[in-house]
Amino acid sequence: MAQNDTAKNGNGGNLGFEADLFKAADKLRGNMEPSDYKHVALGLIFLKYISDAFEAKHKALLAEDAQAAEDKDEYLADNVFWVPKEARWSHLQANAKLPTIGTLIDDAMRAIEKDNESLKGVLPKDYARPALNKVMLGELIDLISGIALNEEGHASRDILGRVYEYFLGQFAGAEGKRGGEFYTPRSVVRVLVEMLEPFSGRVYDPCCGSGGMFVQSEKFVQEHGGRIGDIAIYGQESNYVTWRLAKMNLAVRGIDSKIFWNNEGSFHKDEFAAQRGSDGAPMKADYILANPPFNISDWGGDRLREDVRWKFGVPPVSNANYAWLQHIYHHLAPNGTAGVVLANGSMSSNQSGEGDIRKAMIEVDAVDCMVALPGQLFYSTQIPACLWFLARNKNPGNGLRDRRGQVLFIDARKLGVLVDRTRRELTDKEVQKIADTYHAWRGEPNAGAYTDVAGFCKSASLEEIREHGHVLTPGRYVGAVEHEDDGVSFDERMLQLSAEWREQRAEVAALDAAIEANLKEFGYGE
């Protein structure tokens, strides 16, 4: 997230000092790769958080009962990690200038893991390695020591949590394509959360990255008067390093969760399928939010030709997009809803049976809403993306209208502001505009009346979608904007045209890649 007036006032919600803090921390990085340095910095921020939380609870217990202050269970009961004396931030800060500081940090991490079962195998423990500059390490400790200074309890946790989240985004930007493997841009996550409104129930992400979907869901609950714990969080991640980031990210927020790791991934070792509800039946999710890797061809689909999840058709071996959609739909509760980020090609592809799968999903009313996103939102790819919203029941009652036989299309491609030369973000107002449109269309109480807006949104009937060959690209339905002069300057218009040109090129490149994969599947081009 670039720190400019737009980011601060329009969509960032930042504390103001985060950019300066990251700039100072990044300066200390020297020649170290961002992918390596992020674990150094984020590990220390996490250590500062749990130490601050412990010290605040310790102080409160001392005032009541000195004996209780040494009882680990008192801390666990308040979702606070137990931190031994040698692992507390004050001890590390006092010794930050010693050449042995790396060893002291590693020892602190091991001591914390020993006393807190949920952190076993999560914390980084390679600060003593010779290649890591110990002077830099001491200076980084001094820098982080100023975060949430003089703040206690929830205020300290919130500040450190937001700093952790900001740093994650900055490291994702610095890593480029690799950064996208663990971080979904904040504004994209906010669209999913604001549209789905996960007030209570089970929230699941089958490819959870560093946990941003869960953090934003908890924020949503709190901002609307709910409590942490109103939602139960479940996730799975196949990358061990990314799983560790997620565990720390959620812990910094004080969020209890069940995040599973295995290197086989959700397709081949579905951890959520093994979960059971209080009645002993397989657990289903009320909300699913996911940003799967786009167009992956090495998902092992050849080993999953027959699977209970493929309700609408067997997904092609060459592309996992429709495997993700069906995996997610399979895990929805009877009234569950899902928001999924996918490449634009998923809305119109007819290759390898994908068109037939999409048709089957539409005909049984599994698709609720489609949103076309602007380009340049993602760190990892220039491939244009869209949002699929799935619903198990489009006539659930609960104040919502009967939406059967209808799909809402939203074309948000012209929204967003450039925050640097290569990346765009949706502003708070734009996120709310998209969400409000969906809420009005669903007939939510106090959401206002829904109307089609030329060039932006259209409620299409199943018959209209059939006429378009079951293609779900919003631009086919919303029509053109009706006006003579939109007040857009020449420079802005050229930027829009340039973005649309890049989008078309990316779509062609994605199509070429898919064709090449299919040819290889049939033995050509080997």
Protein backbone atom coordinates (compact mmCIF):
# COMPACT_ATOMS: atom_id res chain seq x y z
CA MET A 1 0.00 0.00 0.00
CA ALA A 2 1.56 3.23 -1.08
CA GLN A 3 1.31 5.87 1.60
CA ASN A 4 -0.24 8.89 -0.09
CA ASP A 5 -3.27 11.09 0.58
CA THR A 6 -5.49 8.76 -1.42
CA ALA A 7 -4.39 5.70 0.50
CA LYS A 8 -4.73 7.36 3.88
CA ASN A 9 -8.03 9.12 3.31
CA GLY A 10 -9.70 6.98 0.69
CA ASN A 11 -9.01 3.35 1.34
CA GLY A 12 -6.09 2.60 3.56
CA GLY A 13 -7.31 3.10 7.10
CA ASN A 14 -3.64 3.37 8.12
CA LEU A 15 -2.32 4.76 11.36
CA GLY A 16 -0.23 7.41 9.64
CA PHE A 17 3.19 6.25 10.83
CA GLU A 18 3.13 2.83 9.18
CA ALA A 19 4.74 3.99 5.93
CA ASP A 20 7.53 5.80 7.79
CA LEU A 21 8.05 2.77 10.00
CA PHE A 22 8.28 0.42 7.04
CA LYS A 23 10.62 2.80 5.22
CA ALA A 24 12.95 2.84 8.23
CA ALA A 25 12.78 -0.95 8.61
CA ASP A 26 13.38 -1.45 4.88
CA LYS A 27 16.45 0.81 5.05
CA LEU A 28 17.92 -1.51 7.67
CA ARG A 29 17.42 -4.44 5.28
CA GLY A 30 20.50 -3.49 3.26
CA ASN A 31 21.18 -6.12 0.62
CA MET A 32 19.01 -8.82 2.16
CA GLU A 33 16.26 -10.15 -0.11
CA PRO A 34 12.72 -9.01 0.88
CA SER A 35 11.58 -12.65 0.89
CA ASP A 36 14.16 -13.38 3.60
CA TYR A 37 13.92 -10.12 5.50
CA LYS A 38 10.15 -10.31 5.94
CA HIS A 39 10.53 -13.26 8.31
CA VAL A 40 13.11 -11.34 10.35
CA ALA A 41 10.92 -8.24 10.70
CA LEU A 42 7.54 -9.96 11.06
CA GLY A 43 8.91 -12.41 13.63
CA LEU A 44 10.10 -9.53 15.79
CA ILE A 45 6.79 -7.65 15.46
CA PHE A 46 5.03 -10.83 16.57
CA LEU A 47 7.40 -11.19 19.53
CA LYS A 48 6.72 -7.58 20.53
CA TYR A 49 2.98 -8.19 20.33
CA ILE A 50 2.82 -11.30 22.50
CA SER A 51 5.20 -9.73 25.02
CA ASP A 52 3.09 -6.56 25.25
CA ALA A 53 -0.10 -8.59 25.64
CA PHE A 54 1.52 -10.73 28.34
CA GLU A 55 2.90 -7.73 30.25
CA ALA A 56 -0.52 -6.01 30.26
CA LYS A 57 -2.22 -9.14 31.60
CA HIS A 58 0.62 -9.74 34.08
CA LYS A 59 0.28 -6.20 35.43
CA ALA A 60 -3.49 -6.58 35.85
CA LEU A 61 -3.12 -9.92 37.66
CA LEU A 62 -0.41 -8.58 39.98
CA ALA A 63 -2.81 -5.86 41.10
CA GLU A 64 -5.36 -8.53 42.04
CA ASP A 65 -3.38 -11.57 43.15
CA ALA A 66 0.42 -11.99 42.89
CA GLN A 67 0.10 -15.79 42.90
CA ALA A 68 -2.36 -15.75 40.00
CA ALA A 69 0.13 -13.69 37.98
CA GLU A 70 2.36 -16.79 37.70
CA ASP A 71 -0.45 -19.16 36.68
CA LYS A 72 -0.32 -19.96 32.94
CA ASP A 73 -3.99 -20.89 32.88
CA GLU A 74 -4.95 -17.32 33.81
CA TYR A 75 -3.38 -16.14 30.57
CA LEU A 76 -4.76 -18.91 28.38
CA ALA A 77 -8.27 -18.16 29.66
CA ASP A 78 -7.93 -14.63 28.23
CA ASN A 79 -6.38 -15.85 24.94
CA VAL A 80 -2.96 -14.46 25.96
CA PHE A 81 0.24 -16.42 25.31
CA TRP A 82 2.50 -17.23 28.25
CA VAL A 83 5.89 -15.52 27.79
CA PRO A 84 8.83 -16.68 29.97
CA LYS A 85 11.09 -13.98 31.44
CA GLU A 86 13.96 -14.62 29.02
CA ALA A 87 11.58 -14.21 26.06
CA ARG A 88 10.03 -10.89 27.07
CA TRP A 89 10.64 -7.87 24.89
CA SER A 90 12.17 -5.84 27.71
CA HIS A 91 14.91 -8.47 28.08
CA LEU A 92 15.70 -8.47 24.35
CA GLN A 93 15.62 -4.69 24.13
CA ALA A 94 18.08 -4.42 27.00
CA ASN A 95 20.48 -6.74 25.17
CA ALA A 96 19.86 -5.51 21.61
CA LYS A 97 23.43 -4.23 21.16
CA LEU A 98 25.14 -7.47 22.19
CA PRO A 99 26.72 -9.61 19.46
CA THR A 100 24.73 -12.55 20.89
CA ILE A 101 21.34 -10.90 20.26
CA GLY A 102 20.54 -13.38 17.45
CA THR A 103 20.98 -16.32 19.81
CA LEU A 104 18.88 -14.58 22.48
CA ILE A 105 16.02 -14.10 20.00
CA ASP A 106 16.19 -17.74 18.87
CA ASP A 107 16.15 -18.88 22.49
CA ALA A 108 13.14 -16.62 23.14
CA MET A 109 11.26 -18.12 20.19
CA ARG A 110 11.99 -21.68 21.37
CA ALA A 111 10.91 -20.86 24.93
CA ILE A 112 7.60 -19.41 23.69
CA GLU A 113 6.91 -22.43 21.48
CA LYS A 114 7.69 -24.76 24.40
CA ASP A 115 5.11 -23.08 26.63
CA ASN A 116 2.41 -22.52 23.97
CA GLU A 117 1.32 -25.62 22.10
CA SER A 118 -0.52 -23.71 19.34
CA LEU A 119 2.74 -22.01 18.28
CA LYS A 120 4.80 -25.19 17.88
CA GLY A 121 6.75 -25.02 14.63
CA VAL A 122 5.40 -21.57 13.78
CA LEU A 123 8.01 -19.02 14.91
CA PRO A 124 11.22 -18.20 12.99
CA LYS A 125 14.33 -19.39 14.82
CA ASP A 126 17.31 -18.52 12.62
CA TYR A 127 18.29 -15.09 13.91
CA ALA A 128 21.70 -16.39 15.06
CA ARG A 129 22.81 -17.37 11.55
CA PRO A 130 26.16 -15.76 10.62
CA ALA A 131 24.76 -14.12 7.49
CA LEU A 132 22.32 -12.01 9.51
CA ASN A 133 23.87 -8.68 10.48
CA LYS A 134 23.60 -8.36 14.28
CA VAL A 135 23.99 -4.57 14.29
CA MET A 136 21.00 -4.35 11.92
CA LEU A 137 19.11 -6.73 14.21
CA GLY A 138 19.72 -4.50 17.23
CA GLU A 139 18.62 -1.40 15.33
CA LEU A 140 15.47 -3.20 14.16
CA ILE A 141 14.64 -4.10 17.76
CA ASP A 142 15.06 -0.44 18.74
CA LEU A 143 12.76 0.59 15.89
CA ILE A 144 10.04 -1.94 16.75
CA SER A 145 10.28 -1.00 20.42
CA GLY A 146 8.57 2.28 19.57
CA ILE A 147 5.45 0.57 18.19
CA ALA A 148 2.48 0.90 20.54
CA LEU A 149 4.71 2.51 23.17
CA ASN A 150 2.64 3.50 26.22
CA GLU A 151 -0.33 1.57 24.86
CA GLU A 152 -1.77 -1.43 26.65
CA GLY A 153 -4.23 -4.25 26.10
CA HIS A 154 -6.48 -4.05 23.05
CA ALA A 155 -5.02 -0.73 21.88
CA SER A 156 -1.53 -2.20 21.71
CA ARG A 157 -2.81 -5.35 19.99
CA ASP A 158 -4.72 -3.36 17.39
CA ILE A 159 -1.75 -1.13 16.54
CA LEU A 160 0.69 -4.04 16.27
CA GLY A 161 -1.82 -6.05 14.27
CA ARG A 162 -2.27 -3.25 11.78
CA VAL A 163 1.50 -2.76 11.50
CA TYR A 164 1.91 -6.50 10.86
CA GLU A 165 -0.76 -6.36 8.14
CA TYR A 166 0.79 -3.26 6.55
CA PHE A 167 4.24 -4.86 6.51
CA LEU A 168 2.78 -7.99 4.89
CA GLY A 169 1.38 -5.87 2.07
CA GLN A 170 4.63 -3.98 1.59
CA PHE A 171 6.69 -7.17 1.47
CA ALA A 172 4.23 -8.66 -1.03
CA GLY A 173 4.74 -5.62 -3.24
CA ALA A 174 8.52 -5.86 -2.92
CA GLU A 175 8.47 -9.55 -3.86
CA GLY A 176 6.19 -9.03 -6.85
CA LYS A 177 4.90 -12.29 -8.29
CA ARG A 178 6.10 -14.35 -5.32
CA GLY A 179 4.39 -11.91 -2.96
CA GLY A 180 1.04 -12.74 -4.47
CA GLU A 181 1.41 -16.29 -3.21
CA PHE A 182 0.78 -15.20 0.37
CA TYR A 183 -1.08 -11.87 0.17
CA THR A 184 -4.36 -10.75 -1.40
CA PRO A 185 -4.60 -6.95 -1.77
CA ARG A 186 -6.59 -5.42 1.06
CA SER A 187 -9.17 -3.69 -1.13
CA VAL A 188 -10.02 -6.96 -2.91
CA VAL A 189 -10.51 -8.73 0.43
CA ARG A 190 -12.70 -5.87 1.64
CA VAL A 191 -15.01 -6.26 -1.37
CA LEU A 192 -15.48 -9.96 -0.53
CA VAL A 193 -16.06 -9.30 3.17
CA GLU A 194 -18.38 -6.31 2.71
CA MET A 195 -20.50 -8.21 0.20
CA LEU A 196 -20.74 -11.48 2.15
CA GLU A 197 -21.10 -9.84 5.60
CA PRO A 198 -19.78 -12.70 7.79
CA PHE A 199 -21.47 -11.65 11.04
CA SER A 200 -21.44 -15.08 12.68
CA GLY A 201 -20.88 -18.73 11.86
CA ARG A 202 -18.08 -20.71 10.24
CA VAL A 203 -15.68 -18.97 7.86
CA TYR A 204 -13.43 -21.12 5.67
CA ASP A 205 -10.59 -20.49 3.20
CA PRO A 206 -9.12 -23.56 1.44
CA CYS A 207 -5.97 -21.67 0.32
CA CYS A 208 -5.64 -19.09 3.07
CA GLY A 209 -2.21 -17.57 2.38
CA SER A 210 -1.20 -15.31 5.26
CA GLY A 211 -4.75 -15.12 6.62
CA GLY A 212 -5.91 -11.74 5.32
CA MET A 213 -9.45 -12.98 4.61
CA PHE A 214 -9.86 -13.94 8.27
CA VAL A 215 -8.42 -10.70 9.63
CA GLN A 216 -10.81 -8.62 7.54
CA SER A 217 -13.75 -10.86 8.52
CA GLU A 218 -13.02 -10.34 12.22
CA LYS A 219 -12.68 -6.59 11.63
CA PHE A 220 -16.09 -6.60 9.97
CA VAL A 221 -17.70 -8.36 12.92
CA GLN A 222 -16.18 -5.93 15.42
CA GLU A 223 -17.02 -2.83 13.37
CA HIS A 224 -20.67 -3.92 13.31
CA GLY A 225 -20.97 -4.46 17.04
CA GLY A 226 -20.13 -8.16 17.21
CA ARG A 227 -17.45 -9.90 19.24
CA ILE A 228 -14.26 -11.74 18.36
CA GLY A 229 -15.38 -15.32 18.54
CA ASP A 230 -18.74 -14.73 16.81
CA ILE A 231 -17.16 -16.43 13.82
CA ALA A 232 -15.24 -19.72 13.85
CA ILE A 233 -12.28 -19.72 11.49
CA TYR A 234 -11.00 -22.68 9.45
CA GLY A 235 -8.33 -22.64 6.80
CA GLN A 236 -5.79 -24.71 4.94
CA GLU A 237 -2.47 -23.79 3.34
CA SER A 238 -0.05 -26.03 1.44
CA ASN A 239 3.02 -23.77 1.74
CA TYR A 240 4.62 -24.28 5.15
CA VAL A 241 6.32 -20.85 5.27
CA THR A 242 3.07 -19.11 4.34
CA TRP A 243 1.16 -21.16 6.93
CA ARG A 244 3.53 -19.84 9.59
CA LEU A 245 2.84 -16.25 8.48
CA ALA A 246 -0.90 -16.91 8.75
CA LYS A 247 -0.61 -18.36 12.25
CA MET A 248 1.35 -15.32 13.43
CA ASN A 249 -0.94 -12.88 11.61
CA LEU A 250 -4.00 -14.29 13.36
CA ALA A 251 -2.26 -14.55 16.72
CA VAL A 252 -1.24 -10.88 16.54
CA ARG A 253 -4.94 -10.10 16.14
CA GLY A 254 -5.90 -12.35 19.04
CA ILE A 255 -7.94 -14.49 16.64
CA ASP A 256 -8.47 -18.14 17.55
CA SER A 257 -8.47 -20.37 14.49
CA LYS A 258 -7.93 -23.81 13.05
CA ILE A 259 -5.46 -23.36 10.21
CA PHE A 260 -4.18 -26.66 8.82
CA TRP A 261 -0.99 -27.25 6.90
CA ASN A 262 -0.07 -30.13 4.66
CA ASN A 263 1.95 -30.05 1.46
CA GLU A 264 -0.70 -32.04 -0.43
CA GLY A 265 -3.18 -29.16 -0.42
CA SER A 266 -6.97 -28.99 -0.18
CA PHE A 267 -7.65 -31.07 -3.28
CA HIS A 268 -5.69 -34.13 -2.22
CA LYS A 269 -5.89 -33.90 1.57
CA ASP A 270 -9.03 -31.99 2.42
CA GLU A 271 -8.62 -31.17 6.11
CA PHE A 272 -11.99 -29.42 6.36
CA ALA A 273 -13.77 -32.59 5.20
CA ALA A 274 -12.49 -34.30 8.35
CA GLN A 275 -14.06 -31.70 10.67
CA ARG A 276 -17.29 -32.65 12.44
CA GLY A 277 -20.03 -30.48 13.90
CA SER A 278 -21.62 -30.95 17.33
CA ASP A 279 -24.03 -33.46 15.77
CA GLY A 280 -21.16 -35.53 14.41
CA ALA A 281 -22.02 -34.69 10.79
CA PRO A 282 -19.37 -33.36 8.36
CA MET A 283 -18.88 -29.66 8.97
CA LYS A 284 -20.03 -27.10 6.39
CA ALA A 285 -19.08 -23.43 6.14
CA ASP A 286 -21.47 -20.49 6.32
CA TYR A 287 -19.00 -18.29 4.44
CA ILE A 288 -16.09 -19.16 2.19
CA LEU A 289 -13.64 -16.51 1.00
CA ALA A 290 -10.79 -17.59 -1.26
CA ASN A 291 -8.16 -16.34 -3.69
CA PRO A 292 -6.86 -19.55 -5.30
CA PRO A 293 -3.80 -19.45 -7.58
CA PHE A 294 -4.98 -18.59 -11.10
CA ASN A 295 -5.11 -21.18 -13.89
CA ILE A 296 -2.84 -23.75 -12.22
CA SER A 297 -2.18 -26.82 -14.36
CA ASP A 298 -0.14 -28.89 -11.89
CA TRP A 299 -2.92 -29.53 -9.36
CA GLY A 300 -2.83 -33.32 -9.77
CA GLY A 301 -6.24 -33.49 -11.38
CA ASP A 302 -5.35 -36.74 -13.17
CA ARG A 303 -5.52 -38.47 -9.77
CA LEU A 304 -8.99 -37.07 -8.99
CA ARG A 305 -11.13 -38.11 -11.94
CA GLU A 306 -13.85 -39.42 -9.65
CA ASP A 307 -14.59 -37.27 -6.62
CA VAL A 308 -17.73 -36.41 -4.68
CA ARG A 309 -16.90 -32.71 -5.04
CA TRP A 310 -17.33 -32.67 -8.83
CA LYS A 311 -21.09 -32.14 -8.69
CA PHE A 312 -21.23 -30.15 -11.94
CA GLY A 313 -18.64 -32.01 -14.01
CA VAL A 314 -15.05 -33.27 -13.86
CA PRO A 315 -12.66 -30.28 -14.02
CA PRO A 316 -9.89 -30.42 -16.65
CA VAL A 317 -6.44 -31.66 -15.67
CA SER A 318 -4.95 -28.59 -17.38
CA ASN A 319 -6.68 -25.95 -15.21
CA ALA A 320 -7.86 -26.00 -11.57
CA ASN A 321 -10.26 -23.02 -11.73
CA TYR A 322 -13.41 -25.15 -11.83
CA ALA A 323 -11.96 -27.58 -9.33
CA TRP A 324 -11.68 -24.70 -6.85
CA LEU A 325 -15.23 -23.50 -7.54
CA GLN A 326 -16.67 -26.98 -7.01
CA HIS A 327 -14.52 -27.70 -3.94
CA ILE A 328 -15.81 -24.46 -2.41
CA TYR A 329 -19.45 -25.07 -3.33
CA HIS A 330 -19.21 -28.60 -1.88
CA HIS A 331 -18.23 -27.19 1.52
CA LEU A 332 -21.02 -24.60 1.78
CA ALA A 333 -23.75 -24.96 4.42
CA PRO A 334 -27.40 -25.14 3.20
CA ASN A 335 -27.66 -21.32 3.30
CA GLY A 336 -23.94 -20.67 2.80
CA THR A 337 -22.39 -18.11 0.46
CA ALA A 338 -18.92 -17.86 -1.06
CA GLY A 339 -16.73 -15.24 -2.73
CA VAL A 340 -13.90 -16.48 -4.95
CA VAL A 341 -11.20 -14.56 -6.86
CA LEU A 342 -10.42 -16.09 -10.25
CA ALA A 343 -8.89 -15.12 -13.58
CA ASN A 344 -11.29 -13.50 -16.06
CA GLY A 345 -10.99 -16.46 -18.40
CA SER A 346 -13.06 -18.53 -15.98
CA MET A 347 -16.17 -16.51 -16.92
CA SER A 348 -16.14 -17.48 -20.58
CA SER A 349 -13.84 -20.46 -21.17
CA ASN A 350 -15.32 -23.39 -23.11
CA GLN A 351 -12.14 -25.48 -23.17
CA SER A 352 -11.87 -29.01 -21.80
CA GLY A 353 -15.48 -29.06 -20.61
CA GLU A 354 -15.28 -25.85 -18.55
CA GLY A 355 -18.23 -24.35 -20.43
CA ASP A 356 -20.36 -27.38 -19.58
CA ILE A 357 -19.44 -27.11 -15.89
CA ARG A 358 -20.28 -23.40 -15.85
CA LYS A 359 -23.61 -24.09 -17.60
CA ALA A 360 -24.49 -26.74 -15.00
CA MET A 361 -23.67 -24.34 -12.15
CA ILE A 362 -25.83 -21.60 -13.66
CA GLU A 363 -28.77 -23.89 -14.38
CA VAL A 364 -29.01 -25.04 -10.74
CA ASP A 365 -28.70 -21.43 -9.48
CA ALA A 366 -25.31 -21.89 -7.84
CA VAL A 367 -24.05 -18.52 -9.16
CA ASP A 368 -25.36 -15.45 -7.33
CA CYS A 369 -23.24 -12.54 -8.55
CA MET A 370 -20.28 -11.80 -10.83
CA VAL A 371 -17.95 -8.82 -10.42
CA ALA A 372 -15.39 -7.78 -13.04
CA LEU A 373 -12.45 -6.08 -11.30
CA PRO A 374 -10.17 -3.33 -12.62
CA GLY A 375 -6.71 -4.26 -13.81
CA GLN A 376 -3.47 -3.76 -11.87
CA LEU A 377 -4.92 -4.74 -8.49
CA PHE A 378 -2.61 -7.67 -7.80
CA TYR A 379 1.07 -7.92 -6.95
CA SER A 380 1.50 -11.34 -8.51
CA THR A 381 -0.08 -11.10 -11.94
CA GLN A 382 -1.30 -8.72 -14.64
CA ILE A 383 -4.00 -11.26 -15.61
CA PRO A 384 -7.37 -9.49 -15.15
CA ALA A 385 -9.44 -10.98 -12.33
CA CYS A 386 -13.07 -11.32 -11.36
CA LEU A 387 -15.11 -12.31 -8.32
CA TRP A 388 -17.51 -15.25 -8.31
CA PHE A 389 -20.22 -15.24 -5.63
CA LEU A 390 -21.86 -18.61 -5.07
CA ALA A 391 -24.98 -19.36 -3.03
CA ARG A 392 -26.37 -22.70 -1.89
CA ASN A 393 -29.87 -21.26 -1.49
CA LYS A 394 -31.04 -18.14 -3.35
CA ASN A 395 -34.36 -18.14 -1.49
CA PRO A 396 -33.29 -18.53 2.15
CA GLY A 397 -35.80 -16.18 3.75
CA ASN A 398 -34.21 -14.26 6.65
CA GLY A 399 -35.35 -10.99 5.11
CA LEU A 400 -33.75 -11.74 1.72
CA ARG A 401 -35.83 -11.86 -1.45
CA ASP A 402 -36.19 -14.84 -3.79
CA ARG A 403 -33.34 -14.49 -6.32
CA ARG A 404 -33.80 -17.80 -8.10
CA GLY A 405 -33.39 -17.58 -11.85
CA GLN A 406 -31.38 -14.34 -11.58
CA VAL A 407 -27.71 -13.38 -11.46
CA LEU A 408 -26.36 -9.93 -10.62
CA PHE A 409 -23.56 -8.61 -12.86
CA ILE A 410 -21.32 -5.76 -11.69
CA ASP A 411 -18.71 -4.22 -13.98
CA ALA A 412 -16.16 -2.49 -11.74
CA ARG A 413 -13.36 -2.34 -14.32
CA LYS A 414 -13.34 1.45 -14.46
CA LEU A 415 -13.10 1.87 -10.68
CA GLY A 416 -9.94 2.18 -8.59
CA VAL A 417 -7.15 4.73 -8.21
CA LEU A 418 -3.49 4.35 -9.09
CA VAL A 419 -1.38 4.25 -5.92
CA ASP A 420 1.88 3.93 -7.84
CA ARG A 421 2.95 3.43 -11.45
CA THR A 422 1.98 -0.23 -11.56
CA ARG A 423 -0.77 -0.84 -9.02
CA ARG A 424 -4.34 0.21 -8.46
CA GLU A 425 -6.60 0.06 -5.39
CA LEU A 426 -10.33 0.37 -4.84
CA THR A 427 -11.27 3.23 -2.50
CA ASP A 428 -13.53 2.78 0.52
CA LYS A 429 -16.38 4.50 -1.34
CA GLU A 430 -15.96 2.20 -4.34
CA VAL A 431 -15.91 -0.90 -2.15
CA GLN A 432 -19.10 0.32 -0.48
CA LYS A 433 -20.72 1.10 -3.84
CA ILE A 434 -20.15 -2.48 -5.03
CA ALA A 435 -21.33 -3.99 -1.72
CA ASP A 436 -24.40 -1.73 -1.46
CA THR A 437 -25.46 -2.73 -4.98
CA TYR A 438 -25.30 -6.40 -4.05
CA HIS A 439 -27.15 -5.88 -0.75
CA ALA A 440 -29.95 -3.92 -2.46
CA TRP A 441 -30.26 -6.60 -5.16
CA ARG A 442 -30.53 -9.33 -2.52
CA GLY A 443 -33.34 -7.36 -0.88
CA GLU A 444 -31.59 -6.90 2.45
CA PRO A 445 -33.52 -4.82 5.03
CA ASN A 446 -32.63 -1.11 4.92
CA ALA A 447 -30.48 -1.62 1.81
CA GLY A 448 -32.71 0.47 -0.44
CA ALA A 449 -34.26 -0.44 -3.77
CA TYR A 450 -32.14 -2.01 -6.48
CA THR A 451 -32.10 -0.61 -10.03
CA ASP A 452 -29.96 -1.52 -13.04
CA VAL A 453 -27.32 1.10 -13.86
CA ALA A 454 -26.13 1.17 -17.47
CA GLY A 455 -22.42 0.41 -17.66
CA PHE A 456 -22.22 -0.73 -14.02
CA CYS A 457 -24.80 -3.31 -12.91
CA LYS A 458 -27.52 -5.51 -14.33
CA SER A 459 -29.82 -8.16 -12.85
CA ALA A 460 -30.02 -10.75 -15.64
CA SER A 461 -32.49 -13.59 -15.97
CA LEU A 462 -31.49 -17.16 -16.63
CA GLU A 463 -32.99 -16.82 -20.11
CA GLU A 464 -30.72 -13.84 -20.89
CA ILE A 465 -27.68 -15.80 -19.71
CA ARG A 466 -28.67 -18.71 -21.95
CA GLU A 467 -28.85 -16.32 -24.90
CA HIS A 468 -25.21 -15.42 -24.18
CA GLY A 469 -24.15 -19.08 -24.19
CA HIS A 470 -23.82 -19.17 -20.39
CA VAL A 471 -20.93 -16.71 -20.51
CA LEU A 472 -20.70 -14.74 -17.25
CA THR A 473 -18.64 -11.70 -18.30
CA PRO A 474 -20.42 -8.64 -16.78
CA GLY A 475 -19.58 -6.42 -19.75
CA ARG A 476 -21.96 -8.48 -21.90
CA TYR A 477 -24.91 -7.62 -19.67
CA VAL A 478 -24.47 -4.17 -18.13
CA GLY A 479 -24.38 -2.27 -21.44
CA ALA A 480 -22.73 1.08 -22.07
CA VAL A 481 -22.79 4.19 -19.92
CA GLU A 482 -25.41 6.63 -21.19
CA HIS A 483 -23.96 10.15 -21.20
CA GLU A 484 -22.41 12.68 -23.53
CA ASP A 485 -19.59 14.01 -21.40
CA ASP A 486 -18.32 12.06 -18.42
CA GLY A 487 -15.88 14.77 -17.36
CA VAL A 488 -12.90 12.44 -17.71
CA SER A 489 -9.72 14.21 -18.79
CA PHE A 490 -7.70 13.13 -21.80
CA ASP A 491 -4.89 11.77 -19.59
CA GLU A 492 -7.32 9.73 -17.47
CA ARG A 493 -9.03 8.40 -20.61
CA MET A 494 -5.67 7.30 -22.03
CA LEU A 495 -4.86 5.52 -18.75
CA GLN A 496 -8.20 3.70 -18.94
CA LEU A 497 -7.63 2.70 -22.57
CA SER A 498 -4.10 1.57 -21.73
CA ALA A 499 -5.40 -0.58 -18.86
CA GLU A 500 -8.08 -2.09 -21.12
CA TRP A 501 -5.42 -2.85 -23.76
CA ARG A 502 -3.24 -4.59 -21.17
CA GLU A 503 -6.29 -6.54 -19.99
CA GLN A 504 -6.99 -7.74 -23.54
CA ARG A 505 -3.36 -8.73 -24.02
CA ALA A 506 -3.38 -10.66 -20.74
CA GLU A 507 -6.57 -12.46 -21.75
CA VAL A 508 -5.00 -13.46 -25.08
CA ALA A 509 -1.85 -14.65 -23.29
CA ALA A 510 -3.94 -16.69 -20.85
CA LEU A 511 -5.88 -18.18 -23.76
CA ASP A 512 -2.63 -19.06 -25.58
CA ALA A 513 -1.31 -20.73 -22.42
CA ALA A 514 -4.50 -22.75 -22.03
CA ILE A 515 -4.39 -23.85 -25.69
CA GLU A 516 -0.74 -24.88 -25.32
CA ALA A 517 -1.60 -26.87 -22.16
CA ASN A 518 -4.42 -28.64 -23.97
CA LEU A 519 -2.17 -29.50 -26.91
CA LYS A 520 0.39 -30.98 -24.53
CA GLU A 521 -2.41 -32.96 -22.88
CA PHE A 522 -3.04 -34.60 -26.26
CA GLY A 523 0.65 -35.21 -26.92
CA TYR A 524 1.46 -32.23 -29.13
CA GLY A 525 4.32 -29.81 -28.55
CA GLU A 526 6.27 -32.17 -26.30
